[in-house]
Amino acid sequence: MDKDKNYARLKDFCRNLGLDLFGVADIQDAKKEFIVSPELLKKLDKAVVLGGRLSKTVLAELVQVPTRLYSFHYRTLNSLLDQSALKATIYIEDQGYLALPIPTSQILDWEKQTGHLSHKKMGELAGLGWIGRNNMLVNEKFGSQFRLVTILTDMPLAIDKPVAGGCGSCHTCVKACPAGAVKENPSDFEHLKCFEAIKRFQRLQLAEQYICGVCVNVCRGKK
């Protein structure tokens, strides 16, 4: 079976799971940044990136602080993505290939906000958007109102290309950030300021985990 047919069939499988975004990235140059067994990584050369959109209605409550409703919604979508990644992993393995699902929100270093790999970086490589001023992946249609999960695989698949894009003159997230962490350039995003704010939100029991979501609410993409 050729790469294009594999891609189309896997994409259809994932869309039938209720997911909104699908892309495939070449990870050969990104592997050095992963926290995954080097021996296993030798066998894996692609990332399948899946995305599910957040509810705009739930997000609408987020003005300056997160809410418990958003906290629950966030966990629910993460669970959907992880379950979908598991189903897609089994599908890939049933075709005779390797597949390693990377949890959507398993943080290894909270201060740096890093995990086994950067889902947003994989999404960027897979053509799902660009890194915005809010230090998140921005999709043309959904803005930043979605979550991602990644599956590493050796399955022969067509590769998507990164898209040209940018935030242009939009500075909505800069003005909305309650921590003042968002700057003009994504590379200047202040992770520690963001982390201190989400720790405060959690202490105040505004959310049941380390999340904010204010910049997600204002980054809405095309209507």
C-alpha atoms as a PDB file:
ATOM      1  CA  MET A   1       0.000   0.000   0.000  1.00  0.00           C
ATOM      2  CA  ASP A   2       1.476   3.394  -0.918  1.00  0.00           C
ATOM      3  CA  LYS A   3       2.005   6.424   1.290  1.00  0.00           C
ATOM      4  CA  ASP A   4      -0.948   8.407  -0.050  1.00  0.00           C
ATOM      5  CA  LYS A   5      -3.412   5.548   0.484  1.00  0.00           C
ATOM      6  CA  ASN A   6      -2.089   4.948   3.995  1.00  0.00           C
ATOM      7  CA  TYR A   7      -2.474   8.650   4.741  1.00  0.00           C
ATOM      8  CA  ALA A   8      -6.034   8.859   3.400  1.00  0.00           C
ATOM      9  CA  ARG A   9      -7.193   5.743   5.250  1.00  0.00           C
ATOM     10  CA  LEU A  10      -5.609   6.763   8.549  1.00  0.00           C
ATOM     11  CA  LYS A  11      -7.043  10.256   8.226  1.00  0.00           C
ATOM     12  CA  ASP A  12     -10.530   8.857   7.585  1.00  0.00           C
ATOM     13  CA  PHE A  13     -10.142   6.544  10.574  1.00  0.00           C
ATOM     14  CA  CYS A  14      -9.206   9.457  12.848  1.00  0.00           C
ATOM     15  CA  ARG A  15     -11.907  11.768  11.518  1.00  0.00           C
ATOM     16  CA  ASN A  16     -14.463   9.022  12.240  1.00  0.00           C
ATOM     17  CA  LEU A  17     -13.320   9.183  15.866  1.00  0.00           C
ATOM     18  CA  GLY A  18     -14.653  12.746  15.987  1.00  0.00           C
ATOM     19  CA  LEU A  19     -11.349  14.592  15.612  1.00  0.00           C
ATOM     20  CA  ASP A  20     -10.982  17.916  13.807  1.00  0.00           C
ATOM     21  CA  LEU A  21      -7.314  18.096  12.831  1.00  0.00           C
ATOM     22  CA  PHE A  22      -4.965  15.589  11.207  1.00  0.00           C
ATOM     23  CA  GLY A  23      -1.439  16.015   9.917  1.00  0.00           C
ATOM     24  CA  VAL A  24       1.777  14.057   9.446  1.00  0.00           C
ATOM     25  CA  ALA A  25       5.260  15.426  10.156  1.00  0.00           C
ATOM     26  CA  ASP A  26       8.771  14.261   9.321  1.00  0.00           C
ATOM     27  CA  ILE A  27      10.566  14.097  12.687  1.00  0.00           C
ATOM     28  CA  GLN A  28      14.107  13.253  11.589  1.00  0.00           C
ATOM     29  CA  ASP A  29      15.448  16.695  12.561  1.00  0.00           C
ATOM     30  CA  ALA A  30      13.316  17.028  15.693  1.00  0.00           C
ATOM     31  CA  LYS A  31      14.171  13.750  17.465  1.00  0.00           C
ATOM     32  CA  LYS A  32      17.011  15.281  19.464  1.00  0.00           C
ATOM     33  CA  GLU A  33      14.449  17.313  21.421  1.00  0.00           C
ATOM     34  CA  PHE A  34      12.326  14.290  22.428  1.00  0.00           C
ATOM     35  CA  ILE A  35      12.440  12.632  25.831  1.00  0.00           C
ATOM     36  CA  VAL A  36      11.865   9.138  24.478  1.00  0.00           C
ATOM     37  CA  SER A  37      14.033   6.012  24.406  1.00  0.00           C
ATOM     38  CA  PRO A  38      16.779   6.631  21.786  1.00  0.00           C
ATOM     39  CA  GLU A  39      16.698   2.969  20.739  1.00  0.00           C
ATOM     40  CA  LEU A  40      12.970   3.182  20.036  1.00  0.00           C
ATOM     41  CA  LEU A  41      13.302   6.525  18.255  1.00  0.00           C
ATOM     42  CA  LYS A  42      15.712   4.994  15.760  1.00  0.00           C
ATOM     43  CA  LYS A  43      12.795   3.028  14.328  1.00  0.00           C
ATOM     44  CA  LEU A  44      10.317   5.917  14.197  1.00  0.00           C
ATOM     45  CA  ASP A  45      10.492   8.650  11.570  1.00  0.00           C
ATOM     46  CA  LYS A  46       7.067  10.334  11.486  1.00  0.00           C
ATOM     47  CA  ALA A  47       4.592  11.992  13.817  1.00  0.00           C
ATOM     48  CA  VAL A  48       0.856  11.732  13.274  1.00  0.00           C
ATOM     49  CA  VAL A  49      -0.686  14.779  14.936  1.00  0.00           C
ATOM     50  CA  LEU A  50      -4.368  14.761  15.900  1.00  0.00           C
ATOM     51  CA  GLY A  51      -6.419  17.680  17.159  1.00  0.00           C
ATOM     52  CA  GLY A  52      -9.786  18.223  18.815  1.00  0.00           C
ATOM     53  CA  ARG A  53     -11.430  21.623  19.160  1.00  0.00           C
ATOM     54  CA  LEU A  54     -12.546  23.168  22.417  1.00  0.00           C
ATOM     55  CA  SER A  55     -16.065  24.444  22.978  1.00  0.00           C
ATOM     56  CA  LYS A  56     -16.338  28.164  22.244  1.00  0.00           C
ATOM     57  CA  THR A  57     -19.212  28.384  24.702  1.00  0.00           C
ATOM     58  CA  VAL A  58     -17.150  26.941  27.544  1.00  0.00           C
ATOM     59  CA  LEU A  59     -14.228  29.210  26.653  1.00  0.00           C
ATOM     60  CA  ALA A  60     -16.450  32.299  26.626  1.00  0.00           C
ATOM     61  CA  GLU A  61     -16.462  32.307  30.452  1.00  0.00           C
ATOM     62  CA  LEU A  62     -12.697  32.850  30.550  1.00  0.00           C
ATOM     63  CA  VAL A  63     -12.133  36.591  30.786  1.00  0.00           C
ATOM     64  CA  GLN A  64      -9.244  37.058  33.232  1.00  0.00           C
ATOM     65  CA  VAL A  65      -9.125  33.722  35.049  1.00  0.00           C
ATOM     66  CA  PRO A  66      -9.854  30.030  34.335  1.00  0.00           C
ATOM     67  CA  THR A  67     -13.051  28.368  35.516  1.00  0.00           C
ATOM     68  CA  ARG A  68     -13.881  24.971  36.969  1.00  0.00           C
ATOM     69  CA  LEU A  69     -16.097  24.310  33.966  1.00  0.00           C
ATOM     70  CA  TYR A  70     -13.154  24.909  31.626  1.00  0.00           C
ATOM     71  CA  SER A  71     -10.928  22.754  33.841  1.00  0.00           C
ATOM     72  CA  PHE A  72     -13.318  19.813  33.470  1.00  0.00           C
ATOM     73  CA  HIS A  73     -13.763  20.440  29.720  1.00  0.00           C
ATOM     74  CA  TYR A  74      -9.977  20.556  29.284  1.00  0.00           C
ATOM     75  CA  ARG A  75      -9.552  17.174  30.993  1.00  0.00           C
ATOM     76  CA  THR A  76     -12.417  15.663  29.014  1.00  0.00           C
ATOM     77  CA  LEU A  77     -10.931  16.691  25.669  1.00  0.00           C
ATOM     78  CA  ASN A  78      -7.498  15.450  26.737  1.00  0.00           C
ATOM     79  CA  SER A  79      -9.071  12.099  27.584  1.00  0.00           C
ATOM     80  CA  LEU A  80     -10.829  11.948  24.196  1.00  0.00           C
ATOM     81  CA  LEU A  81      -7.559  12.681  22.416  1.00  0.00           C
ATOM     82  CA  ASP A  82      -5.605  10.089  24.389  1.00  0.00           C
ATOM     83  CA  GLN A  83      -8.270   7.444  23.759  1.00  0.00           C
ATOM     84  CA  SER A  84      -8.352   8.361  20.063  1.00  0.00           C
ATOM     85  CA  ALA A  85      -4.560   8.133  19.879  1.00  0.00           C
ATOM     86  CA  LEU A  86      -4.727   4.679  21.442  1.00  0.00           C
ATOM     87  CA  LYS A  87      -7.316   3.550  18.882  1.00  0.00           C
ATOM     88  CA  ALA A  88      -5.229   4.965  16.038  1.00  0.00           C
ATOM     89  CA  THR A  89      -2.141   3.273  17.508  1.00  0.00           C
ATOM     90  CA  ILE A  90      -3.904  -0.106  17.466  1.00  0.00           C
ATOM     91  CA  TYR A  91      -5.051   0.578  13.893  1.00  0.00           C
ATOM     92  CA  ILE A  92      -1.464   1.304  12.813  1.00  0.00           C
ATOM     93  CA  GLU A  93      -0.099  -1.742  14.617  1.00  0.00           C
ATOM     94  CA  ASP A  94      -2.775  -3.912  13.001  1.00  0.00           C
ATOM     95  CA  GLN A  95      -1.321  -2.841   9.652  1.00  0.00           C
ATOM     96  CA  GLY A  96       2.041  -4.232  10.772  1.00  0.00           C
ATOM     97  CA  TYR A  97       3.803  -1.010  11.813  1.00  0.00           C
ATOM     98  CA  LEU A  98       5.109   0.559  15.018  1.00  0.00           C
ATOM     99  CA  ALA A  99       3.175   3.298  16.805  1.00  0.00           C
ATOM    100  CA  LEU A 100       3.940   5.158  20.038  1.00  0.00           C
ATOM    101  CA  PRO A 101       1.198   7.444  21.425  1.00  0.00           C
ATOM    102  CA  ILE A 102       2.485  10.436  23.411  1.00  0.00           C
ATOM    103  CA  PRO A 103      -0.027  11.654  26.037  1.00  0.00           C
ATOM    104  CA  THR A 104      -1.628  14.973  25.248  1.00  0.00           C
ATOM    105  CA  SER A 105      -0.948  16.624  28.599  1.00  0.00           C
ATOM    106  CA  GLN A 106       1.759  14.709  30.458  1.00  0.00           C
ATOM    107  CA  ILE A 107       4.094  17.417  31.718  1.00  0.00           C
ATOM    108  CA  LEU A 108       7.602  16.425  32.821  1.00  0.00           C
ATOM    109  CA  ASP A 109       8.817  19.929  33.753  1.00  0.00           C
ATOM    110  CA  TRP A 110       6.122  22.388  34.817  1.00  0.00           C
ATOM    111  CA  GLU A 111       8.364  25.448  35.005  1.00  0.00           C
ATOM    112  CA  LYS A 112       9.499  24.947  31.417  1.00  0.00           C
ATOM    113  CA  GLN A 113       6.096  23.478  30.506  1.00  0.00           C
ATOM    114  CA  THR A 114       7.666  20.609  28.577  1.00  0.00           C
ATOM    115  CA  GLY A 115       6.740  16.960  28.062  1.00  0.00           C
ATOM    116  CA  HIS A 116       8.124  13.998  26.121  1.00  0.00           C
ATOM    117  CA  LEU A 117       7.883  16.194  23.050  1.00  0.00           C
ATOM    118  CA  SER A 118       6.246  19.431  21.985  1.00  0.00           C
ATOM    119  CA  HIS A 119       2.835  18.698  20.470  1.00  0.00           C
ATOM    120  CA  LYS A 120       2.647  22.251  19.138  1.00  0.00           C
ATOM    121  CA  LYS A 121       6.018  21.834  17.407  1.00  0.00           C
ATOM    122  CA  MET A 122       4.805  18.582  15.860  1.00  0.00           C
ATOM    123  CA  GLY A 123       1.608  20.345  14.798  1.00  0.00           C
ATOM    124  CA  GLU A 124       3.641  23.110  13.189  1.00  0.00           C
ATOM    125  CA  LEU A 125       5.768  20.581  11.272  1.00  0.00           C
ATOM    126  CA  ALA A 126       2.578  18.744  10.246  1.00  0.00           C
ATOM    127  CA  GLY A 127       1.130  21.872   8.661  1.00  0.00           C
ATOM    128  CA  LEU A 128      -1.607  22.480  11.232  1.00  0.00           C
ATOM    129  CA  GLY A 129      -0.629  26.063  12.012  1.00  0.00           C
ATOM    130  CA  TRP A 130       2.104  28.394  13.231  1.00  0.00           C
ATOM    131  CA  ILE A 131       3.476  29.337  16.646  1.00  0.00           C
ATOM    132  CA  GLY A 132       1.638  32.478  17.724  1.00  0.00           C
ATOM    133  CA  ARG A 133       2.489  35.273  20.100  1.00  0.00           C
ATOM    134  CA  ASN A 134       0.726  33.309  22.841  1.00  0.00           C
ATOM    135  CA  ASN A 135       3.414  30.609  22.455  1.00  0.00           C
ATOM    136  CA  MET A 136       0.755  28.186  21.243  1.00  0.00           C
ATOM    137  CA  LEU A 137      -0.045  26.655  17.888  1.00  0.00           C
ATOM    138  CA  VAL A 138      -2.466  28.842  15.931  1.00  0.00           C
ATOM    139  CA  ASN A 139      -4.643  27.196  13.299  1.00  0.00           C
ATOM    140  CA  GLU A 140      -6.183  29.331  10.563  1.00  0.00           C
ATOM    141  CA  LYS A 141      -9.688  27.984  11.231  1.00  0.00           C
ATOM    142  CA  PHE A 142      -9.687  27.337  14.988  1.00  0.00           C
ATOM    143  CA  GLY A 143      -7.130  29.831  16.282  1.00  0.00           C
ATOM    144  CA  SER A 144      -5.680  28.241  19.442  1.00  0.00           C
ATOM    145  CA  GLN A 145      -9.000  26.735  20.516  1.00  0.00           C
ATOM    146  CA  PHE A 146      -7.960  23.091  20.242  1.00  0.00           C
ATOM    147  CA  ARG A 147      -5.834  20.430  21.922  1.00  0.00           C
ATOM    148  CA  LEU A 148      -3.311  18.058  20.312  1.00  0.00           C
ATOM    149  CA  VAL A 149      -1.973  14.537  20.711  1.00  0.00           C
ATOM    150  CA  THR A 150       0.883  12.871  18.821  1.00  0.00           C
ATOM    151  CA  ILE A 151       1.650   9.338  17.646  1.00  0.00           C
ATOM    152  CA  LEU A 152       5.185   8.454  16.547  1.00  0.00           C
ATOM    153  CA  THR A 153       5.297   5.779  13.870  1.00  0.00           C
ATOM    154  CA  ASP A 154       7.239   4.101  11.066  1.00  0.00           C
ATOM    155  CA  MET A 155       4.123   3.645   8.917  1.00  0.00           C
ATOM    156  CA  PRO A 156       4.709   4.789   5.313  1.00  0.00           C
ATOM    157  CA  LEU A 157       2.703   8.009   5.075  1.00  0.00           C
ATOM    158  CA  ALA A 158       2.617  11.110   2.905  1.00  0.00           C
ATOM    159  CA  ILE A 159       4.200  14.048   4.730  1.00  0.00           C
ATOM    160  CA  ASP A 160       2.493  17.402   5.251  1.00  0.00           C
ATOM    161  CA  LYS A 161       4.460  20.627   4.899  1.00  0.00           C
ATOM    162  CA  PRO A 162       4.515  23.509   7.391  1.00  0.00           C
ATOM    163  CA  VAL A 163       2.191  26.346   6.406  1.00  0.00           C
ATOM    164  CA  ALA A 164       3.085  29.980   5.927  1.00  0.00           C
ATOM    165  CA  GLY A 165       1.209  32.015   8.491  1.00  0.00           C
ATOM    166  CA  GLY A 166       1.498  34.460  11.297  1.00  0.00           C
ATOM    167  CA  CYS A 167      -0.445  36.612  13.715  1.00  0.00           C
ATOM    168  CA  GLY A 168       0.049  39.751  11.655  1.00  0.00           C
ATOM    169  CA  SER A 169      -1.290  42.829  13.407  1.00  0.00           C
ATOM    170  CA  CYS A 170      -3.346  40.853  15.944  1.00  0.00           C
ATOM    171  CA  HIS A 171      -2.226  41.496  19.540  1.00  0.00           C
ATOM    172  CA  THR A 172      -5.365  40.315  21.319  1.00  0.00           C
ATOM    173  CA  CYS A 173      -3.535  37.710  23.396  1.00  0.00           C
ATOM    174  CA  VAL A 174      -0.879  40.247  24.433  1.00  0.00           C
ATOM    175  CA  LYS A 175      -3.564  42.473  25.921  1.00  0.00           C
ATOM    176  CA  ALA A 176      -5.555  39.605  27.455  1.00  0.00           C
ATOM    177  CA  CYS A 177      -2.767  37.657  29.207  1.00  0.00           C
ATOM    178  CA  PRO A 178      -3.341  38.005  32.980  1.00  0.00           C
ATOM    179  CA  ALA A 179       0.329  37.287  33.657  1.00  0.00           C
ATOM    180  CA  GLY A 180       1.820  39.713  31.125  1.00  0.00           C
ATOM    181  CA  ALA A 181       3.759  36.765  29.719  1.00  0.00           C
ATOM    182  CA  VAL A 182       2.832  37.242  26.044  1.00  0.00           C
ATOM    183  CA  LYS A 183       5.132  39.516  24.069  1.00  0.00           C
ATOM    184  CA  GLU A 184       5.472  40.786  20.516  1.00  0.00           C
ATOM    185  CA  ASN A 185       7.646  37.862  19.473  1.00  0.00           C
ATOM    186  CA  PRO A 186       6.780  34.237  20.382  1.00  0.00           C
ATOM    187  CA  SER A 187      10.437  33.633  21.318  1.00  0.00           C
ATOM    188  CA  ASP A 188      10.125  36.235  24.076  1.00  0.00           C
ATOM    189  CA  PHE A 189       7.210  34.487  25.807  1.00  0.00           C
ATOM    190  CA  GLU A 190       7.899  34.490  29.562  1.00  0.00           C
ATOM    191  CA  HIS A 191       7.293  30.916  30.738  1.00  0.00           C
ATOM    192  CA  LEU A 192       7.940  31.646  34.407  1.00  0.00           C
ATOM    193  CA  LYS A 193       5.391  34.462  34.512  1.00  0.00           C
ATOM    194  CA  CYS A 194       2.849  32.131  32.938  1.00  0.00           C
ATOM    195  CA  PHE A 195       3.711  29.359  35.392  1.00  0.00           C
ATOM    196  CA  GLU A 196       3.405  31.651  38.415  1.00  0.00           C
ATOM    197  CA  ALA A 197      -0.043  32.760  37.253  1.00  0.00           C
ATOM    198  CA  ILE A 198      -1.367  29.228  36.732  1.00  0.00           C
ATOM    199  CA  LYS A 199       0.015  28.190  40.120  1.00  0.00           C
ATOM    200  CA  ARG A 200      -1.901  31.086  41.679  1.00  0.00           C
ATOM    201  CA  PHE A 201      -5.093  30.087  39.865  1.00  0.00           C
ATOM    202  CA  GLN A 202      -4.723  26.545  41.188  1.00  0.00           C
ATOM    203  CA  ARG A 203      -4.118  27.756  44.766  1.00  0.00           C
ATOM    204  CA  LEU A 204      -7.253  29.889  44.538  1.00  0.00           C
ATOM    205  CA  GLN A 205      -9.124  26.745  43.364  1.00  0.00           C
ATOM    206  CA  LEU A 206     -10.189  28.466  40.165  1.00  0.00           C
ATOM    207  CA  ALA A 207      -9.048  25.334  38.331  1.00  0.00           C
ATOM    208  CA  GLU A 208      -8.232  21.820  39.447  1.00  0.00           C
ATOM    209  CA  GLN A 209      -4.954  21.703  37.546  1.00  0.00           C
ATOM    210  CA  TYR A 210      -2.286  24.020  36.180  1.00  0.00           C
ATOM    211  CA  ILE A 211      -4.192  25.737  33.361  1.00  0.00           C
ATOM    212  CA  CYS A 212      -5.317  29.209  32.386  1.00  0.00           C
ATOM    213  CA  GLY A 213      -6.936  29.377  28.931  1.00  0.00           C
ATOM    214  CA  VAL A 214      -7.457  33.146  28.741  1.00  0.00           C
ATOM    215  CA  CYS A 215      -5.248  33.525  25.651  1.00  0.00           C
ATOM    216  CA  VAL A 216      -6.944  30.470  24.120  1.00  0.00           C
ATOM    217  CA  ASN A 217     -10.335  32.142  24.449  1.00  0.00           C
ATOM    218  CA  VAL A 218      -9.272  35.269  22.575  1.00  0.00           C
ATOM    219  CA  CYS A 219      -7.378  33.437  19.795  1.00  0.00           C
ATOM    220  CA  ARG A 220     -10.347  32.379  17.712  1.00  0.00           C
ATOM    221  CA  GLY A 221      -9.264  31.994  14.100  1.00  0.00           C
ATOM    222  CA  LYS A 222     -11.758  32.414  11.293  1.00  0.00           C
ATOM    223  CA  LYS A 223     -15.450  32.357  12.206  1.00  0.00           C
END
